[in-house]
Protein backbone atom coordinates (compact mmCIF):
# COMPACT_ATOMS: atom_id res chain seq x y z
CA MET A 1 83.54 94.08 71.20
CA LEU A 2 85.27 90.45 71.81
CA GLY A 3 83.00 88.49 69.57
CA GLY A 4 83.91 85.75 66.94
CA ARG A 5 88.30 85.01 65.80
CA ARG A 6 89.46 87.63 68.06
CA TYR A 7 87.20 86.31 71.46
CA LYS A 8 88.33 82.55 70.37
CA ARG A 9 92.34 83.52 70.15
CA LEU A 10 92.03 85.64 73.81
CA LYS A 11 90.07 83.12 75.36
CA ASP A 12 93.29 80.98 76.00
CA LYS A 13 94.02 78.22 78.27
CA ASP A 14 96.65 79.89 79.95
CA LEU A 15 94.88 83.06 80.82
CA PHE A 16 92.57 81.88 82.38
CA GLU A 17 94.27 78.90 84.56
CA THR A 18 96.44 82.05 85.74
CA VAL A 19 93.43 83.69 86.47
CA GLU A 20 92.99 82.34 90.33
CA GLU A 21 90.54 83.88 91.46
CA VAL A 22 86.73 84.98 89.96
CA TRP A 23 87.50 88.35 87.67
CA ASP A 24 84.47 90.49 86.80
CA ARG A 25 83.73 91.13 83.62
CA GLN A 26 85.38 94.49 83.34
CA THR A 27 88.83 93.45 84.42
CA LEU A 28 88.91 90.82 81.91
CA LEU A 29 87.56 92.97 78.75
CA ALA A 30 90.35 95.40 80.30
CA ALA A 31 93.20 92.33 80.21
CA TYR A 32 91.79 91.62 76.66
CA GLU A 33 92.28 95.57 75.66
CA VAL A 34 95.99 95.48 77.23
CA MET A 35 96.82 92.34 75.62
CA ARG A 36 95.70 93.75 72.36
CA ARG A 37 97.76 97.34 72.25
CA LEU A 38 100.84 95.51 73.71
CA ARG A 39 100.80 92.80 71.09
CA LEU A 40 100.71 90.09 74.64
CA ASP A 41 100.45 86.29 73.51
CA ARG A 42 99.63 84.76 77.01
CA PHE A 43 99.76 85.45 80.62
CA ALA A 44 102.47 82.80 81.87
CA GLY A 45 102.30 82.76 86.17
CA VAL A 46 101.97 84.65 89.02
CA LEU A 47 104.70 86.77 90.31
CA SER A 48 103.46 87.97 93.33
CA ALA A 49 100.10 88.29 95.20
CA GLY A 50 98.77 90.68 97.31
CA LYS A 51 95.17 91.24 98.79
CA GLU A 52 94.47 94.02 96.78
CA ALA A 53 96.82 93.14 93.52
CA ARG A 54 98.29 90.58 91.34
CA VAL A 55 101.04 90.59 89.66
CA TYR A 56 101.35 88.40 86.39
CA ARG A 57 104.45 87.29 83.68
CA ALA A 58 102.90 87.69 79.91
CA ILE A 59 105.13 86.83 77.30
CA GLY A 60 104.67 89.32 73.88
CA ARG A 61 104.41 87.97 70.34
CA ASP A 62 108.17 88.63 70.11
CA GLY A 63 109.02 86.61 73.54
CA ARG A 64 109.60 89.65 75.41
CA GLU A 65 108.33 89.52 78.99
CA TYR A 66 106.63 91.69 81.19
CA ALA A 67 105.25 92.68 84.13
CA VAL A 68 101.29 92.78 84.35
CA LYS A 69 99.80 94.43 87.59
CA ILE A 70 96.20 94.22 88.13
CA TYR A 71 94.30 95.75 90.73
CA LEU A 72 91.59 93.25 91.83
CA THR A 73 89.50 94.49 94.59
CA VAL A 74 89.02 97.22 97.24
CA THR A 75 87.79 96.87 100.35
CA ALA A 76 86.85 99.23 102.67
CA GLU A 77 90.26 98.82 104.60
CA PHE A 78 92.33 99.86 101.35
CA ARG A 79 90.06 102.15 100.49
CA LYS A 80 90.89 104.52 104.24
CA SER A 81 94.43 103.33 103.62
CA ILE A 82 95.10 104.71 100.21
CA GLN A 83 93.42 107.94 100.87
CA LYS A 84 96.04 109.45 102.52
CA TYR A 85 97.92 109.31 99.74
CA LEU A 86 95.71 110.64 97.17
CA LEU A 87 94.27 113.60 99.44
CA GLY A 88 97.02 116.28 99.23
CA ASP A 89 98.41 114.98 96.07
CA PRO A 90 97.72 118.09 93.44
CA ARG A 91 98.16 115.66 90.60
CA PHE A 92 94.90 114.01 92.05
CA GLU A 93 92.87 116.45 93.61
CA ASN A 94 89.72 116.18 91.80
CA VAL A 95 89.72 111.78 92.50
CA ASP A 96 86.45 111.16 93.45
CA THR A 97 87.07 108.89 96.70
CA SER A 98 83.85 108.00 97.45
CA ASN A 99 83.68 105.93 93.95
CA THR A 100 85.57 102.66 94.63
CA LYS A 101 85.65 101.92 90.58
CA LYS A 102 87.15 105.39 90.26
CA LEU A 103 89.19 105.36 92.87
CA PHE A 104 90.85 102.35 92.10
CA PHE A 105 91.18 103.27 88.54
CA ALA A 106 92.92 107.03 89.97
CA TRP A 107 95.15 104.27 92.33
CA ALA A 108 96.49 102.40 89.08
CA ARG A 109 97.32 105.60 87.03
CA LYS A 110 99.03 107.17 90.20
CA GLU A 111 101.08 103.94 89.91
CA PHE A 112 102.07 104.43 86.41
CA ARG A 113 103.02 108.18 86.72
CA ASN A 114 105.11 107.64 89.79
CA LEU A 115 107.07 105.28 87.99
CA LYS A 116 107.63 107.47 84.53
CA ARG A 117 108.32 110.08 86.73
CA MET A 118 110.96 108.10 88.38
CA TYR A 119 112.22 105.96 85.49
CA GLU A 120 112.43 109.89 83.66
CA ALA A 121 114.44 110.86 86.69
CA GLY A 122 117.41 107.70 86.62
CA VAL A 123 115.79 105.83 89.28
CA ARG A 124 116.09 102.53 88.99
CA VAL A 125 112.51 101.17 88.20
CA PRO A 126 110.65 98.80 85.58
CA GLN A 127 110.00 100.60 83.05
CA PRO A 128 106.48 101.25 82.42
CA TYR A 129 104.39 100.77 79.60
CA LEU A 130 100.86 101.36 79.89
CA VAL A 131 98.01 101.95 82.36
CA TYR A 132 94.42 100.81 81.43
CA GLN A 133 91.82 100.60 83.61
CA ASN A 134 93.51 98.98 86.61
CA ILE A 135 96.06 97.45 84.99
CA ILE A 136 99.50 98.58 84.92
CA VAL A 137 102.21 97.40 81.84
CA MET A 138 105.53 97.25 82.98
CA GLU A 139 109.58 95.71 82.69
CA PHE A 140 109.74 92.40 83.91
CA ILE A 141 112.57 92.34 86.38
CA GLY A 142 114.25 88.63 86.29
CA ARG A 143 115.75 85.84 84.81
CA ASP A 144 114.28 82.23 83.88
CA GLY A 145 110.51 83.26 83.73
CA LEU A 146 111.64 83.81 87.85
CA ARG A 147 111.22 87.28 89.37
CA ALA A 148 113.74 88.86 90.88
CA PRO A 149 114.10 88.49 95.34
CA THR A 150 112.94 91.36 97.12
CA LEU A 151 115.64 92.23 99.68
CA HIS A 152 113.67 90.79 102.43
CA GLU A 153 113.79 86.95 100.95
CA ILE A 154 117.29 87.02 100.92
CA ARG A 155 118.19 88.76 103.67
CA HIS A 156 120.13 85.80 105.35
CA GLU A 157 122.05 85.27 102.12
CA ILE A 158 123.79 88.87 102.18
CA GLU A 159 127.25 89.08 102.73
CA PRO A 160 128.92 91.89 104.80
CA ASP A 161 130.32 93.82 102.29
CA GLU A 162 127.27 93.20 100.02
CA ALA A 163 125.40 94.48 102.90
CA GLU A 164 127.06 97.99 103.00
CA GLN A 165 127.35 98.45 99.37
CA LEU A 166 123.43 97.67 98.88
CA ALA A 167 122.93 100.17 101.92
CA TRP A 168 124.53 103.30 100.01
CA GLU A 169 122.85 102.05 96.68
CA ALA A 170 119.46 101.82 98.46
CA LEU A 171 120.12 105.50 99.61
CA GLU A 172 121.43 106.82 96.30
CA GLN A 173 117.87 105.85 94.65
CA TYR A 174 116.08 107.45 97.31
CA THR A 175 118.14 110.30 96.73
CA ARG A 176 117.21 110.17 92.87
CA ILE A 177 113.74 109.89 94.07
CA TYR A 178 113.75 113.15 96.19
CA CYS A 179 115.73 115.15 94.16
CA CYS A 180 115.36 113.96 90.64
CA ALA A 181 111.65 113.00 90.49
CA ARG A 182 110.62 115.57 93.51
CA LEU A 183 108.74 112.47 94.87
CA VAL A 184 108.97 110.95 98.62
CA HIS A 185 108.48 106.99 97.78
CA ALA A 186 106.41 106.58 101.25
CA ASP A 187 106.65 102.99 101.42
CA TYR A 188 110.49 102.37 100.98
CA SER A 189 111.91 99.23 102.82
CA GLU A 190 113.28 95.78 101.93
CA TYR A 191 110.17 94.53 100.70
CA ASN A 192 109.84 96.66 97.64
CA LEU A 193 113.39 96.80 97.08
CA MET A 194 114.46 93.58 94.07
CA TYR A 195 117.99 92.73 93.42
CA ILE A 196 119.27 90.75 90.51
CA ASP A 197 122.66 90.95 89.14
CA GLY A 198 124.12 93.59 91.88
CA LYS A 199 121.34 96.04 90.89
CA LEU A 200 118.84 97.16 92.82
CA TYR A 201 115.09 97.88 91.80
CA VAL A 202 112.63 100.13 93.20
CA ILE A 203 108.98 98.91 93.01
CA ASP A 204 105.55 99.13 94.36
CA VAL A 205 105.51 102.97 94.01
CA ALA A 206 101.58 103.51 93.96
CA GLN A 207 101.82 105.50 97.04
CA ALA A 208 104.41 108.07 96.56
CA VAL A 209 103.62 111.39 97.11
CA ALA A 210 104.91 114.73 95.68
CA LEU A 211 106.87 116.77 98.03
CA LYS A 212 104.15 119.23 98.26
CA HIS A 213 102.03 116.95 99.79
CA PRO A 214 101.03 117.73 103.45
CA ASN A 215 102.55 114.64 104.88
CA ALA A 216 105.59 113.91 102.57
CA GLU A 217 107.87 115.04 104.93
CA ASP A 218 106.82 112.78 107.77
CA PHE A 219 106.68 110.14 104.81
CA LEU A 220 110.56 111.20 104.05
CA ARG A 221 111.57 110.29 107.57
CA HIS A 222 109.86 107.15 107.95
CA ASP A 223 111.35 105.83 104.79
CA VAL A 224 114.70 107.42 105.58
CA GLU A 225 113.88 105.18 109.38
CA ASN A 226 113.42 102.14 107.39
CA ILE A 227 116.60 102.18 105.80
CA TYR A 228 118.51 102.42 108.61
CA ARG A 229 116.30 99.92 110.60
CA PHE A 230 117.38 96.69 107.98
CA PHE A 231 120.54 97.61 106.85
CA ALA A 232 122.40 99.11 110.40
CA LYS A 233 119.97 96.80 112.63
CA GLN A 234 119.22 94.14 110.75
CA LEU A 235 122.49 93.33 108.89
CA GLY A 236 124.92 95.54 110.98
CA VAL A 237 125.97 98.05 108.52
CA GLU A 238 128.02 101.04 109.97
CA LEU A 239 125.66 103.80 108.90
CA PRO A 240 125.82 107.06 110.01
CA GLU A 241 122.22 107.96 112.42
CA PRO A 242 118.75 108.61 110.53
CA GLU A 243 119.16 112.60 111.01
CA GLU A 244 122.55 112.61 109.59
CA LEU A 245 120.61 110.15 106.68
CA LEU A 246 117.85 112.05 106.05
CA GLU A 247 120.05 115.78 105.69
CA ARG A 248 122.26 113.46 103.38
CA VAL A 249 119.07 113.02 101.07
CA LYS A 250 117.95 116.69 100.86
CA ALA A 251 121.56 117.76 100.31
CA CYS A 252 120.84 116.71 96.74
CA ARG A 253 124.62 115.95 96.01
CA ILE A 254 123.29 114.14 93.10
CA GLN A 255 123.31 114.59 89.49
CA CYS A 256 119.64 114.18 87.88
CA PRO A 257 119.09 113.42 84.16
CA GLU A 258 118.35 116.96 81.90
CA LYS A 259 115.10 114.96 80.61
CA LYS A 260 112.04 117.09 81.12
CA ARG A 261 110.00 115.68 84.20
CA SER A 262 106.70 113.72 84.12
CA GLU A 263 104.26 116.34 86.25
């Protein structure tokens, strides 16, 4: 499949210098297939690294930048932690959670579908382009090859007036997630909000669940409390109490796009 000239072209210096860990053959083949489908020229460095996934910057043959998220491993701890987000979600009720490979393929599909659903609902998220096996390709949010920082990373640099503006922007984006995408983020915090050019971008949405999920209400409440904790407690923004913020989200006083939602 990857023999001859094509294999030699794909097996380039940039890709293998970027891969700082030993990938299994299937992940490498999946990366090659993604490069072929989207006409990517090369990988150009790590944007972020976690225990379960790496996000790389990739460059297309036309010079366009992409963010490529690759789920590398699924530990027993990770497998246990994500089951509460998959179980009860009608979109993934047939996933075999005992099969590690199928589980993290499903997890990647879940993140892609959540991104697509939010994007179409007008939530400011990276535009999703492709999911293939354990790989998701999306819009690169950043400048000059550097990704945009998270609110956590710049928390000490945020001025009071800017903090207030961002607080209400974070609440508005969440309201769009809830009312327009009909999802609950389930991990909404300063760690999963990127900031660039005066705009917030919501990231890391794999764990987001549909409103019908049995734990959706608990996840929603926790998300809203996170908004209050960061902006009111840490940055000193005057905000209503979490209960009132929760009611504001649920009131859905927001105009949603008329596009058909991705289910």
